[in-house]
C-alpha atoms as a PDB file:
ATOM      1  CA  MET A   1     206.206  -2.229 -47.552  1.00  0.00           C
ATOM      2  CA  MET A   2     207.370  -5.905 -46.628  1.00  0.00           C
ATOM      3  CA  LEU A   3     204.250  -7.633 -47.208  1.00  0.00           C
ATOM      4  CA  GLY A   4     203.849  -6.158 -50.467  1.00  0.00           C
ATOM      5  CA  LEU A   5     207.483  -6.713 -51.464  1.00  0.00           C
ATOM      6  CA  ALA A   6     206.993 -10.465 -50.468  1.00  0.00           C
ATOM      7  CA  GLY A   7     203.657 -10.799 -52.148  1.00  0.00           C
ATOM      8  CA  GLY A   8     205.443  -9.659 -55.501  1.00  0.00           C
ATOM      9  CA  LEU A   9     208.346 -12.340 -54.886  1.00  0.00           C
ATOM     10  CA  SER A  10     205.414 -14.768 -54.445  1.00  0.00           C
ATOM     11  CA  ARG A  11     204.079 -13.627 -57.855  1.00  0.00           C
ATOM     12  CA  LEU A  12     207.294 -14.147 -59.513  1.00  0.00           C
ATOM     13  CA  GLY A  13     207.542 -17.648 -58.367  1.00  0.00           C
ATOM     14  CA  TRP A  14     209.904 -17.113 -55.142  1.00  0.00           C
ATOM     15  CA  GLY A  15     207.211 -18.087 -52.778  1.00  0.00           C
ATOM     16  CA  GLY A  16     206.614 -21.489 -53.784  1.00  0.00           C
ATOM     17  CA  SER A  17     203.626 -23.300 -54.669  1.00  0.00           C
ATOM     18  CA  THR A  18     201.523 -22.233 -51.808  1.00  0.00           C
ATOM     19  CA  GLY A  19     202.433 -18.411 -52.023  1.00  0.00           C
ATOM     20  CA  LEU A  20     201.203 -15.753 -49.600  1.00  0.00           C
ATOM     21  CA  ALA A  21     197.936 -14.283 -49.177  1.00  0.00           C
ATOM     22  CA  ALA A  22     199.498 -10.694 -50.142  1.00  0.00           C
ATOM     23  CA  ALA A  23     200.370 -12.176 -53.325  1.00  0.00           C
ATOM     24  CA  THR A  24     196.949 -11.924 -55.127  1.00  0.00           C
ATOM     25  CA  LEU A  25     196.865  -8.322 -53.757  1.00  0.00           C
ATOM     26  CA  HIS A  26     200.209  -7.184 -54.029  1.00  0.00           C
ATOM     27  CA  GLY A  27     199.267  -4.440 -56.279  1.00  0.00           C
ATOM     28  CA  PRO A  28     196.589  -2.944 -54.018  1.00  0.00           C
ATOM     29  CA  LEU A  29     198.878  -3.491 -50.759  1.00  0.00           C
ATOM     30  CA  MET A  30     201.479  -1.027 -52.420  1.00  0.00           C
ATOM     31  CA  VAL A  31     199.414   1.249 -53.983  1.00  0.00           C
ATOM     32  CA  CYS A  32     196.745   2.027 -51.272  1.00  0.00           C
ATOM     33  CA  GLY A  33     198.734   0.298 -48.372  1.00  0.00           C
ATOM     34  CA  VAL A  34     202.156   1.614 -48.538  1.00  0.00           C
ATOM     35  CA  PHE A  35     201.708   4.802 -50.620  1.00  0.00           C
ATOM     36  CA  GLY A  36     198.403   5.574 -49.424  1.00  0.00           C
ATOM     37  CA  THR A  37     199.466   5.465 -45.978  1.00  0.00           C
ATOM     38  CA  LEU A  38     202.916   7.503 -46.737  1.00  0.00           C
ATOM     39  CA  ILE A  39     200.933  10.101 -48.724  1.00  0.00           C
ATOM     40  CA  GLY A  40     198.441  10.533 -46.350  1.00  0.00           C
ATOM     41  CA  VAL A  41     200.908  11.014 -43.440  1.00  0.00           C
ATOM     42  CA  GLU A  42     202.792  13.480 -45.028  1.00  0.00           C
ATOM     43  CA  ARG A  43     199.722  15.498 -45.930  1.00  0.00           C
ATOM     44  CA  ALA A  44     198.102  15.352 -42.342  1.00  0.00           C
ATOM     45  CA  VAL A  45     201.665  16.553 -40.918  1.00  0.00           C
ATOM     46  CA  ALA A  46     201.661  19.493 -43.268  1.00  0.00           C
ATOM     47  CA  LEU A  47     198.340  20.454 -42.417  1.00  0.00           C
ATOM     48  CA  GLY A  48     198.804  20.028 -38.640  1.00  0.00           C
ATOM     49  CA  ARG A  49     195.208  18.980 -37.730  1.00  0.00           C
ATOM     50  CA  SER A  50     193.591  15.563 -36.303  1.00  0.00           C
ATOM     51  CA  TRP A  51     190.984  14.913 -39.111  1.00  0.00           C
ATOM     52  CA  PRO A  52     193.201  14.580 -41.861  1.00  0.00           C
ATOM     53  CA  TRP A  53     194.950  11.341 -40.219  1.00  0.00           C
ATOM     54  CA  ALA A  54     191.815   9.390 -41.072  1.00  0.00           C
ATOM     55  CA  ALA A  55     193.203   8.727 -44.699  1.00  0.00           C
ATOM     56  CA  PRO A  56     196.656   7.117 -43.710  1.00  0.00           C
ATOM     57  CA  ALA A  57     194.982   5.273 -40.569  1.00  0.00           C
ATOM     58  CA  LEU A  58     192.524   3.771 -42.903  1.00  0.00           C
ATOM     59  CA  ALA A  59     194.899   2.771 -45.185  1.00  0.00           C
ATOM     60  CA  ALA A  60     197.248   1.402 -42.786  1.00  0.00           C
ATOM     61  CA  ALA A  61     194.280  -0.331 -41.358  1.00  0.00           C
ATOM     62  CA  GLY A  62     193.091  -1.960 -44.951  1.00  0.00           C
ATOM     63  CA  ALA A  63     196.887  -3.370 -45.600  1.00  0.00           C
ATOM     64  CA  SER A  64     196.681  -4.848 -41.865  1.00  0.00           C
ATOM     65  CA  LEU A  65     193.567  -6.965 -42.768  1.00  0.00           C
ATOM     66  CA  VAL A  66     195.472  -8.788 -45.512  1.00  0.00           C
ATOM     67  CA  PRO A  67     197.667 -11.083 -43.670  1.00  0.00           C
ATOM     68  CA  PHE A  68     194.567 -12.248 -41.590  1.00  0.00           C
ATOM     69  CA  GLY A  69     192.896 -13.572 -44.758  1.00  0.00           C
ATOM     70  CA  ALA A  70     190.133 -11.027 -44.907  1.00  0.00           C
ATOM     71  CA  PRO A  71     187.707 -10.995 -48.187  1.00  0.00           C
ATOM     72  CA  ALA A  72     189.091  -8.927 -50.955  1.00  0.00           C
ATOM     73  CA  ALA A  73     185.986  -7.108 -50.859  1.00  0.00           C
ATOM     74  CA  THR A  74     186.359  -5.758 -47.242  1.00  0.00           C
ATOM     75  CA  VAL A  75     189.956  -4.694 -48.036  1.00  0.00           C
ATOM     76  CA  ALA A  76     188.757  -2.824 -50.980  1.00  0.00           C
ATOM     77  CA  ALA A  77     185.913  -1.312 -48.764  1.00  0.00           C
ATOM     78  CA  VAL A  78     188.481   0.398 -46.451  1.00  0.00           C
ATOM     79  CA  PHE A  79     190.972   1.557 -49.009  1.00  0.00           C
ATOM     80  CA  GLY A  80     188.153   3.056 -50.576  1.00  0.00           C
ATOM     81  CA  LEU A  81     187.219   4.942 -47.468  1.00  0.00           C
ATOM     82  CA  ALA A  82     190.925   5.738 -46.990  1.00  0.00           C
ATOM     83  CA  ALA A  83     190.612   7.495 -50.435  1.00  0.00           C
ATOM     84  CA  ALA A  84     187.610   8.978 -50.147  1.00  0.00           C
ATOM     85  CA  CYS A  85     189.119  10.638 -46.378  1.00  0.00           C
ATOM     86  CA  TYR A  86     192.329  11.784 -48.697  1.00  0.00           C
ATOM     87  CA  ALA A  87     190.200  13.148 -51.229  1.00  0.00           C
ATOM     88  CA  ALA A  88     188.328  15.610 -48.576  1.00  0.00           C
ATOM     89  CA  VAL A  89     192.091  16.468 -47.460  1.00  0.00           C
ATOM     90  CA  THR A  90     193.267  17.118 -51.097  1.00  0.00           C
ATOM     91  CA  THR A  91     189.860  19.159 -51.978  1.00  0.00           C
ATOM     92  CA  TYR A  92     190.376  21.114 -48.800  1.00  0.00           C
ATOM     93  CA  LEU A  93     194.004  21.930 -49.726  1.00  0.00           C
ATOM     94  CA  ALA A  94     192.830  23.026 -53.424  1.00  0.00           C
ATOM     95  CA  ARG A  95     190.839  25.178 -51.709  1.00  0.00           C
ATOM     96  CA  GLU A  96     193.220  27.010 -49.760  1.00  0.00           C
ATOM     97  CA  GLU A  97     195.944  27.013 -52.606  1.00  0.00           C
ATOM     98  CA  PRO A  98     194.253  27.325 -55.991  1.00  0.00           C
ATOM     99  CA  GLY A  99     196.393  26.351 -58.844  1.00  0.00           C
ATOM    100  CA  LEU A 100     197.444  23.527 -61.338  1.00  0.00           C
ATOM    101  CA  PRO A 101     199.745  21.643 -58.220  1.00  0.00           C
ATOM    102  CA  SER A 102     196.812  21.323 -55.814  1.00  0.00           C
ATOM    103  CA  ALA A 103     194.347  20.554 -58.996  1.00  0.00           C
ATOM    104  CA  ALA A 104     196.914  17.710 -59.811  1.00  0.00           C
ATOM    105  CA  MET A 105     196.909  16.417 -56.535  1.00  0.00           C
ATOM    106  CA  LEU A 106     193.238  16.324 -56.214  1.00  0.00           C
ATOM    107  CA  PHE A 107     192.517  14.536 -59.634  1.00  0.00           C
ATOM    108  CA  GLY A 108     195.157  12.100 -57.870  1.00  0.00           C
ATOM    109  CA  ALA A 109     192.808  11.553 -54.836  1.00  0.00           C
ATOM    110  CA  LEU A 110     189.902  11.174 -56.849  1.00  0.00           C
ATOM    111  CA  SER A 111     191.846   8.633 -59.107  1.00  0.00           C
ATOM    112  CA  TRP A 112     192.748   6.556 -55.757  1.00  0.00           C
ATOM    113  CA  PHE A 113     188.547   6.261 -54.938  1.00  0.00           C
ATOM    114  CA  ALA A 114     187.977   5.715 -58.436  1.00  0.00           C
ATOM    115  CA  GLY A 115     190.410   2.580 -58.771  1.00  0.00           C
ATOM    116  CA  CYS A 116     188.812   1.423 -55.350  1.00  0.00           C
ATOM    117  CA  VAL A 117     185.550   1.746 -56.698  1.00  0.00           C
ATOM    118  CA  ALA A 118     185.960  -0.176 -59.671  1.00  0.00           C
ATOM    119  CA  TRP A 119     187.949  -2.963 -58.073  1.00  0.00           C
ATOM    120  CA  LEU A 120     185.053  -3.532 -55.417  1.00  0.00           C
ATOM    121  CA  THR A 121     182.255  -3.392 -58.243  1.00  0.00           C
ATOM    122  CA  THR A 122     184.373  -5.987 -60.699  1.00  0.00           C
ATOM    123  CA  GLY A 123     186.148  -8.018 -58.034  1.00  0.00           C
ATOM    124  CA  SER A 124     189.245  -7.345 -60.238  1.00  0.00           C
ATOM    125  CA  THR A 125     192.080  -5.346 -59.291  1.00  0.00           C
ATOM    126  CA  ALA A 126     193.556  -4.983 -62.815  1.00  0.00           C
ATOM    127  CA  GLU A 127     190.330  -2.777 -63.278  1.00  0.00           C
ATOM    128  CA  GLY A 128     191.711  -0.212 -60.837  1.00  0.00           C
ATOM    129  CA  ALA A 129     195.381  -0.517 -62.324  1.00  0.00           C
ATOM    130  CA  GLY A 130     194.994   2.432 -64.449  1.00  0.00           C
ATOM    131  CA  TRP A 131     193.384   4.835 -62.088  1.00  0.00           C
ATOM    132  CA  TRP A 132     195.772   3.760 -59.310  1.00  0.00           C
ATOM    133  CA  LEU A 133     198.522   4.689 -61.591  1.00  0.00           C
ATOM    134  CA  MET A 134     197.119   8.262 -62.197  1.00  0.00           C
ATOM    135  CA  PHE A 135     196.887   8.345 -58.141  1.00  0.00           C
ATOM    136  CA  LEU A 136     200.463   8.345 -57.814  1.00  0.00           C
ATOM    137  CA  ILE A 137     201.504   9.803 -60.879  1.00  0.00           C
ATOM    138  CA  LEU A 138     199.561  12.854 -60.661  1.00  0.00           C
ATOM    139  CA  THR A 139     200.252  12.934 -56.743  1.00  0.00           C
ATOM    140  CA  ILE A 140     203.898  13.120 -57.532  1.00  0.00           C
ATOM    141  CA  GLY A 141     203.679  15.399 -60.627  1.00  0.00           C
ATOM    142  CA  GLY A 142     201.688  17.831 -58.725  1.00  0.00           C
ATOM    143  CA  GLU A 143     204.491  18.052 -56.069  1.00  0.00           C
ATOM    144  CA  ARG A 144     207.099  18.407 -58.765  1.00  0.00           C
ATOM    145  CA  LEU A 145     204.760  21.159 -60.246  1.00  0.00           C
ATOM    146  CA  GLU A 146     205.085  22.896 -56.992  1.00  0.00           C
ATOM    147  CA  MET A 147     208.662  22.468 -56.322  1.00  0.00           C
ATOM    148  CA  SER A 148     209.097  23.935 -59.824  1.00  0.00           C
ATOM    149  CA  ARG A 149     207.010  27.027 -59.427  1.00  0.00           C
ATOM    150  CA  LEU A 150     209.889  29.465 -60.119  1.00  0.00           C
ATOM    151  CA  VAL A 151     210.236  27.774 -64.023  1.00  0.00           C
ATOM    152  CA  ARG A 152     207.849  29.563 -66.325  1.00  0.00           C
ATOM    153  CA  PRO A 153     205.616  27.166 -67.866  1.00  0.00           C
ATOM    154  CA  SER A 154     205.284  27.444 -71.876  1.00  0.00           C
ATOM    155  CA  ARG A 155     202.078  28.325 -73.364  1.00  0.00           C
ATOM    156  CA  TRP A 156     200.886  24.789 -74.193  1.00  0.00           C
ATOM    157  CA  GLY A 157     202.351  23.402 -70.779  1.00  0.00           C
ATOM    158  CA  ASP A 158     199.506  23.540 -68.845  1.00  0.00           C
ATOM    159  CA  ALA A 159     197.137  22.459 -71.618  1.00  0.00           C
ATOM    160  CA  ALA A 160     198.955  19.654 -72.387  1.00  0.00           C
ATOM    161  CA  PHE A 161     199.011  18.615 -68.755  1.00  0.00           C
ATOM    162  CA  LEU A 162     195.403  18.872 -68.407  1.00  0.00           C
ATOM    163  CA  PHE A 163     194.723  17.249 -71.924  1.00  0.00           C
ATOM    164  CA  GLY A 164     196.825  14.475 -71.096  1.00  0.00           C
ATOM    165  CA  VAL A 165     195.063  13.963 -67.569  1.00  0.00           C
ATOM    166  CA  SER A 166     191.438  13.563 -69.327  1.00  0.00           C
ATOM    167  CA  LEU A 167     192.983  11.059 -71.725  1.00  0.00           C
ATOM    168  CA  MET A 168     194.568   9.140 -69.045  1.00  0.00           C
ATOM    169  CA  GLY A 169     191.128   9.129 -66.835  1.00  0.00           C
ATOM    170  CA  ALA A 170     189.461   7.760 -70.188  1.00  0.00           C
ATOM    171  CA  GLY A 171     191.935   5.084 -70.553  1.00  0.00           C
ATOM    172  CA  ALA A 172     191.941   4.136 -67.191  1.00  0.00           C
ATOM    173  CA  GLY A 173     188.003   4.059 -67.375  1.00  0.00           C
ATOM    174  CA  ALA A 174     188.216   1.859 -70.475  1.00  0.00           C
ATOM    175  CA  GLY A 175     190.469  -0.868 -68.726  1.00  0.00           C
ATOM    176  CA  LEU A 176     194.418  -1.190 -69.568  1.00  0.00           C
ATOM    177  CA  LEU A 177     193.784  -4.585 -70.686  1.00  0.00           C
ATOM    178  CA  GLU A 178     191.608  -3.370 -73.438  1.00  0.00           C
ATOM    179  CA  PRO A 179     193.669  -2.501 -76.606  1.00  0.00           C
ATOM    180  CA  ALA A 180     191.717   1.281 -76.707  1.00  0.00           C
ATOM    181  CA  GLY A 181     192.122   1.946 -73.477  1.00  0.00           C
ATOM    182  CA  SER A 182     195.815   1.354 -73.026  1.00  0.00           C
ATOM    183  CA  ALA A 183     196.458   3.288 -76.260  1.00  0.00           C
ATOM    184  CA  VAL A 184     194.435   6.185 -75.169  1.00  0.00           C
ATOM    185  CA  PHE A 185     195.895   5.928 -71.558  1.00  0.00           C
ATOM    186  CA  GLY A 186     199.585   5.991 -73.236  1.00  0.00           C
ATOM    187  CA  VAL A 187     198.934   8.995 -75.428  1.00  0.00           C
ATOM    188  CA  GLY A 188     197.938  11.051 -72.543  1.00  0.00           C
ATOM    189  CA  LEU A 189     200.345   9.674 -70.302  1.00  0.00           C
ATOM    190  CA  ALA A 190     203.044  10.802 -72.776  1.00  0.00           C
ATOM    191  CA  LEU A 191     201.662  14.239 -72.968  1.00  0.00           C
ATOM    192  CA  LEU A 192     201.755  14.432 -69.019  1.00  0.00           C
ATOM    193  CA  VAL A 193     205.395  13.617 -69.260  1.00  0.00           C
ATOM    194  CA  ALA A 194     206.410  15.966 -71.588  1.00  0.00           C
ATOM    195  CA  ALA A 195     204.446  18.705 -69.715  1.00  0.00           C
ATOM    196  CA  LEU A 196     206.304  17.650 -66.497  1.00  0.00           C
ATOM    197  CA  VAL A 197     209.612  17.684 -67.787  1.00  0.00           C
ATOM    198  CA  GLY A 198     209.274  20.782 -69.492  1.00  0.00           C
ATOM    199  CA  ARG A 199     209.072  22.802 -66.505  1.00  0.00           C
ATOM    200  CA  ASP A 200     210.869  20.612 -63.996  1.00  0.00           C
ATOM    201  CA  VAL A 201     214.048  22.136 -62.419  1.00  0.00           C
ATOM    202  CA  ALA A 202     215.734  18.807 -62.375  1.00  0.00           C
ATOM    203  CA  ARG A 203     216.815  19.773 -66.006  1.00  0.00           C
ATOM    204  CA  VAL A 204     218.620  22.528 -64.716  1.00  0.00           C
ATOM    205  CA  ASN A 205     220.031  21.082 -61.422  1.00  0.00           C
ATOM    206  CA  ILE A 206     221.430  17.958 -62.898  1.00  0.00           C
ATOM    207  CA  ARG A 207     224.534  20.330 -63.692  1.00  0.00           C
ATOM    208  CA  ARG A 208     225.007  21.028 -60.100  1.00  0.00           C
ATOM    209  CA  GLN A 209     226.961  18.954 -57.346  1.00  0.00           C
ATOM    210  CA  GLY A 210     226.024  16.797 -54.374  1.00  0.00           C
ATOM    211  CA  ASP A 211     222.718  16.160 -53.189  1.00  0.00           C
ATOM    212  CA  VAL A 212     221.145  18.336 -55.761  1.00  0.00           C
ATOM    213  CA  ARG A 213     222.705  16.281 -58.429  1.00  0.00           C
ATOM    214  CA  TYR A 214     221.378  13.123 -56.820  1.00  0.00           C
ATOM    215  CA  PHE A 215     217.742  14.441 -56.320  1.00  0.00           C
ATOM    216  CA  SER A 216     218.048  15.376 -60.286  1.00  0.00           C
ATOM    217  CA  THR A 217     219.052  12.156 -61.357  1.00  0.00           C
ATOM    218  CA  CYS A 218     216.280  10.426 -59.763  1.00  0.00           C
ATOM    219  CA  MET A 219     213.630  12.916 -61.067  1.00  0.00           C
ATOM    220  CA  LEU A 220     214.915  12.650 -64.660  1.00  0.00           C
ATOM    221  CA  ALA A 221     215.550   8.905 -64.625  1.00  0.00           C
ATOM    222  CA  GLY A 222     211.928   8.466 -63.208  1.00  0.00           C
ATOM    223  CA  TYR A 223     210.385  10.516 -66.150  1.00  0.00           C
ATOM    224  CA  GLY A 224     212.640   8.072 -68.657  1.00  0.00           C
ATOM    225  CA  TRP A 225     210.867   5.059 -67.135  1.00  0.00           C
ATOM    226  CA  LEU A 226     207.512   6.944 -67.100  1.00  0.00           C
ATOM    227  CA  ALA A 227     208.138   7.951 -70.771  1.00  0.00           C
ATOM    228  CA  LEU A 228     208.876   4.090 -71.717  1.00  0.00           C
ATOM    229  CA  ALA A 229     205.775   3.062 -69.918  1.00  0.00           C
ATOM    230  CA  ALA A 230     203.610   5.931 -72.068  1.00  0.00           C
ATOM    231  CA  ALA A 231     205.337   4.279 -75.371  1.00  0.00           C
ATOM    232  CA  ILE A 232     204.547   0.517 -74.409  1.00  0.00           C
ATOM    233  CA  LEU A 233     200.867   1.273 -73.441  1.00  0.00           C
ATOM    234  CA  ALA A 234     200.161   3.467 -76.538  1.00  0.00           C
ATOM    235  CA  THR A 235     201.874   0.899 -79.239  1.00  0.00           C
ATOM    236  CA  ALA A 236     201.563  -2.521 -77.503  1.00  0.00           C
ATOM    237  CA  PRO A 237     197.992  -3.405 -78.298  1.00  0.00           C
ATOM    238  CA  PHE A 238     198.864  -3.000 -82.095  1.00  0.00           C
ATOM    239  CA  LEU A 239     202.239  -4.832 -82.036  1.00  0.00           C
ATOM    240  CA  ASP A 240     200.928  -7.304 -79.947  1.00  0.00           C
ATOM    241  CA  LEU A 241     203.713  -7.157 -77.585  1.00  0.00           C
ATOM    242  CA  PRO A 242     203.976  -9.834 -74.996  1.00  0.00           C
ATOM    243  CA  GLY A 243     203.895  -8.399 -71.235  1.00  0.00           C
ATOM    244  CA  ARG A 244     202.098  -5.477 -72.508  1.00  0.00           C
ATOM    245  CA  TYR A 245     200.645  -5.298 -69.018  1.00  0.00           C
ATOM    246  CA  ASP A 246     203.431  -6.072 -66.908  1.00  0.00           C
ATOM    247  CA  ALA A 247     206.243  -4.270 -68.220  1.00  0.00           C
ATOM    248  CA  PRO A 248     204.458  -0.521 -68.220  1.00  0.00           C
ATOM    249  CA  ILE A 249     203.019  -1.107 -65.123  1.00  0.00           C
ATOM    250  CA  HIS A 250     206.470  -1.889 -63.299  1.00  0.00           C
ATOM    251  CA  ALA A 251     208.038   0.720 -65.405  1.00  0.00           C
ATOM    252  CA  ALA A 252     205.672   3.276 -63.966  1.00  0.00           C
ATOM    253  CA  MET A 253     205.558   1.946 -60.547  1.00  0.00           C
ATOM    254  CA  LEU A 254     209.420   1.205 -60.101  1.00  0.00           C
ATOM    255  CA  GLY A 255     211.018   3.374 -62.617  1.00  0.00           C
ATOM    256  CA  PHE A 256     209.016   6.409 -61.885  1.00  0.00           C
ATOM    257  CA  VAL A 257     207.547   6.158 -58.556  1.00  0.00           C
ATOM    258  CA  GLY A 258     210.329   4.149 -57.119  1.00  0.00           C
ATOM    259  CA  SER A 259     212.826   6.702 -58.485  1.00  0.00           C
ATOM    260  CA  MET A 260     210.853   9.391 -56.934  1.00  0.00           C
ATOM    261  CA  VAL A 261     210.778   7.940 -53.474  1.00  0.00           C
ATOM    262  CA  PHE A 262     214.425   7.687 -53.611  1.00  0.00           C
ATOM    263  CA  GLY A 263     214.747  11.197 -54.605  1.00  0.00           C
ATOM    264  CA  HIS A 264     212.434  12.696 -52.612  1.00  0.00           C
ATOM    265  CA  ALA A 265     213.187  10.723 -49.318  1.00  0.00           C
ATOM    266  CA  LEU A 266     215.809  13.289 -48.214  1.00  0.00           C
ATOM    267  CA  ILE A 267     213.593  16.101 -48.456  1.00  0.00           C
ATOM    268  CA  ILE A 268     210.230  14.664 -47.116  1.00  0.00           C
ATOM    269  CA  LEU A 269     211.361  12.504 -44.304  1.00  0.00           C
ATOM    270  CA  PRO A 270     212.557  15.426 -42.353  1.00  0.00           C
ATOM    271  CA  ALA A 271     209.833  17.208 -42.339  1.00  0.00           C
ATOM    272  CA  VAL A 272     207.352  14.426 -41.490  1.00  0.00           C
ATOM    273  CA  LEU A 273     209.798  12.559 -38.733  1.00  0.00           C
ATOM    274  CA  GLY A 274     211.924  15.661 -37.445  1.00  0.00           C
ATOM    275  CA  VAL A 275     215.020  13.779 -38.131  1.00  0.00           C
ATOM    276  CA  ARG A 276     217.922  14.965 -39.993  1.00  0.00           C
ATOM    277  CA  LEU A 277     219.249  13.192 -42.910  1.00  0.00           C
ATOM    278  CA  ARG A 278     222.402  13.584 -44.660  1.00  0.00           C
ATOM    279  CA  PHE A 279     223.213  13.203 -48.258  1.00  0.00           C
ATOM    280  CA  SER A 280     225.887  10.502 -49.108  1.00  0.00           C
ATOM    281  CA  PRO A 281     227.229   9.318 -52.444  1.00  0.00           C
ATOM    282  CA  ALA A 282     226.277   5.799 -51.263  1.00  0.00           C
ATOM    283  CA  LEU A 283     222.605   6.470 -52.089  1.00  0.00           C
ATOM    284  CA  TYR A 284     223.695   5.981 -55.660  1.00  0.00           C
ATOM    285  CA  VAL A 285     224.187   2.451 -55.086  1.00  0.00           C
ATOM    286  CA  PRO A 286     220.349   1.250 -54.557  1.00  0.00           C
ATOM    287  CA  LEU A 287     219.186   3.728 -57.245  1.00  0.00           C
ATOM    288  CA  CYS A 288     221.495   1.807 -59.657  1.00  0.00           C
ATOM    289  CA  LEU A 289     220.370  -1.461 -58.127  1.00  0.00           C
ATOM    290  CA  LEU A 290     216.639  -0.233 -58.593  1.00  0.00           C
ATOM    291  CA  HIS A 291     217.153   0.861 -62.250  1.00  0.00           C
ATOM    292  CA  GLY A 292     218.810  -2.884 -63.139  1.00  0.00           C
ATOM    293  CA  ALA A 293     216.237  -4.807 -61.407  1.00  0.00           C
ATOM    294  CA  ILE A 294     213.740  -2.605 -63.630  1.00  0.00           C
ATOM    295  CA  LEU A 295     215.507  -3.249 -66.690  1.00  0.00           C
ATOM    296  CA  LEU A 296     215.441  -7.094 -65.791  1.00  0.00           C
ATOM    297  CA  ARG A 297     211.545  -6.821 -65.218  1.00  0.00           C
ATOM    298  CA  VAL A 298     210.645  -4.812 -68.273  1.00  0.00           C
ATOM    299  CA  GLY A 299     213.280  -6.626 -70.319  1.00  0.00           C
ATOM    300  CA  GLY A 300     211.820  -9.997 -69.250  1.00  0.00           C
ATOM    301  CA  ALA A 301     208.468  -9.187 -69.792  1.00  0.00           C
ATOM    302  CA  LEU A 302     208.530  -7.994 -73.290  1.00  0.00           C
ATOM    303  CA  GLY A 303     210.838 -10.702 -74.153  1.00  0.00           C
ATOM    304  CA  SER A 304     209.053 -13.465 -72.554  1.00  0.00           C
ATOM    305  CA  LEU A 305     212.180 -14.284 -70.648  1.00  0.00           C
ATOM    306  CA  GLU A 306     210.744 -15.555 -67.437  1.00  0.00           C
ATOM    307  CA  THR A 307     214.080 -16.287 -66.014  1.00  0.00           C
ATOM    308  CA  VAL A 308     215.046 -12.651 -66.325  1.00  0.00           C
ATOM    309  CA  ARG A 309     211.801 -11.481 -64.959  1.00  0.00           C
ATOM    310  CA  MET A 310     212.085 -13.678 -62.056  1.00  0.00           C
ATOM    311  CA  ALA A 311     215.463 -12.455 -61.509  1.00  0.00           C
ATOM    312  CA  SER A 312     214.363  -8.892 -60.967  1.00  0.00           C
ATOM    313  CA  GLY A 313     212.686  -9.580 -57.978  1.00  0.00           C
ATOM    314  CA  PRO A 314     215.355 -10.034 -55.358  1.00  0.00           C
ATOM    315  CA  LEU A 315     217.373  -7.090 -56.945  1.00  0.00           C
ATOM    316  CA  THR A 316     214.260  -5.169 -56.237  1.00  0.00           C
ATOM    317  CA  VAL A 317     214.201  -6.409 -52.679  1.00  0.00           C
ATOM    318  CA  ALA A 318     217.864  -5.487 -52.447  1.00  0.00           C
ATOM    319  CA  ALA A 319     217.666  -2.111 -53.617  1.00  0.00           C
ATOM    320  CA  PHE A 320     214.920  -1.128 -51.042  1.00  0.00           C
ATOM    321  CA  ALA A 321     216.873  -2.847 -47.945  1.00  0.00           C
ATOM    322  CA  ALA A 322     220.356  -0.760 -49.296  1.00  0.00           C
ATOM    323  CA  PHE A 323     218.253   2.300 -49.759  1.00  0.00           C
ATOM    324  CA  ALA A 324     216.814   1.941 -45.822  1.00  0.00           C
ATOM    325  CA  ALA A 325     220.131   0.944 -44.835  1.00  0.00           C
ATOM    326  CA  CYS A 326     221.226   4.355 -46.412  1.00  0.00           C
ATOM    327  CA  LEU A 327     218.651   6.281 -44.495  1.00  0.00           C
ATOM    328  CA  VAL A 328     219.671   4.942 -41.297  1.00  0.00           C
ATOM    329  CA  GLY A 329     223.245   5.777 -42.000  1.00  0.00           C
ATOM    330  CA  ALA A 330     222.219   9.009 -43.126  1.00  0.00           C
ATOM    331  CA  GLY A 331     220.519   9.641 -39.887  1.00  0.00           C
ATOM    332  CA  ARG A 332     223.351   8.573 -38.025  1.00  0.00           C
ATOM    333  CA  ALA A 333     225.749  10.820 -39.846  1.00  0.00           C
ATOM    334  CA  PRO A 334     227.689  13.297 -38.063  1.00  0.00           C
ATOM    335  CA  GLU A 335     226.804  17.192 -38.426  1.00  0.00           C
ATOM    336  CA  ARG A 336     228.122  18.640 -41.475  1.00  0.00           C
ATOM    337  CA  ALA A 337     228.207  22.296 -42.997  1.00  0.00           C
ATOM    338  CA  ARG A 338     224.536  22.945 -44.555  1.00  0.00           C
ATOM    339  CA  PRO A 339     224.302  21.658 -48.224  1.00  0.00           C
ATOM    340  CA  THR A 340     224.407  24.569 -50.996  1.00  0.00           C
ATOM    341  CA  GLY A 341     222.254  22.614 -52.941  1.00  0.00           C
ATOM    342  CA  ALA A 342     218.206  23.251 -53.191  1.00  0.00           C
ATOM    343  CA  ARG A 343     215.398  20.983 -53.758  1.00  0.00           C
ATOM    344  CA  GLY A 344     215.979  18.524 -56.717  1.00  0.00           C
END
């Protein structure tokens, strides 16, 4: 995470002219290295077997090659192996627990692998961007569907979800840098967001108090940024907007994925690490910092305001640092009465 954030700062111009080795591989580091490792660990712990640990181990190994100047093709190959192992894990889970949530996670795993193949064969990380977005969006979307099983889906909900996935796959295959690929991906993403929001328990739990309201705030804010990313991708090629690649990528990655990480951490980390974490209203501070940083990043990109876009970098790092500090404090908080809320 630290290496990826440092690479992102360097890409924004904070690292000087020499930059960092991580700058050119900032995207793969964050998606494959950080989230590939974290998601792989979560699945391995849930299964309680040894073989699923191959995926996070390879993802971490691929990330560890970057600061030593390993060739990009080597890093891509190792990340591809990690994705293949993770796809095997999700295939096993889909067979054990068939349903739309498991199918979404399987599609996400295959998208991670497809992105690595696209990068390896073309030599361009941009060619894998759409697939990697699908990996994270579908993985998180599958988790949200699983947490919202008690919400009855509408007649069109599942169909819209699957049709959205197919459109996103077509757009990712064409490439987000291509006008047609961007537009098709954006329309598919909009359908996916509508389907997810329509059955997410966060719409109901936002009226509650304490940790449940915090979880729901993170979820709904993330969906808002994802909807904005969909709108930019669908319309930017026709409106010739500046920053039509940078703005939606970071609206989705920081806005949606970042919000979901902030919201799910208090649920997932105790299960994975076996630690007790207590909710504190202080968690709203890093959440506000994060969304302020995204406003600067997206607004600066769309408005060609380089100074504004640059300012988003340190604020993003501050948000993650503050969030880490809150988690440390949550782990050291004294025992209190069990929260009355349910999952967000």
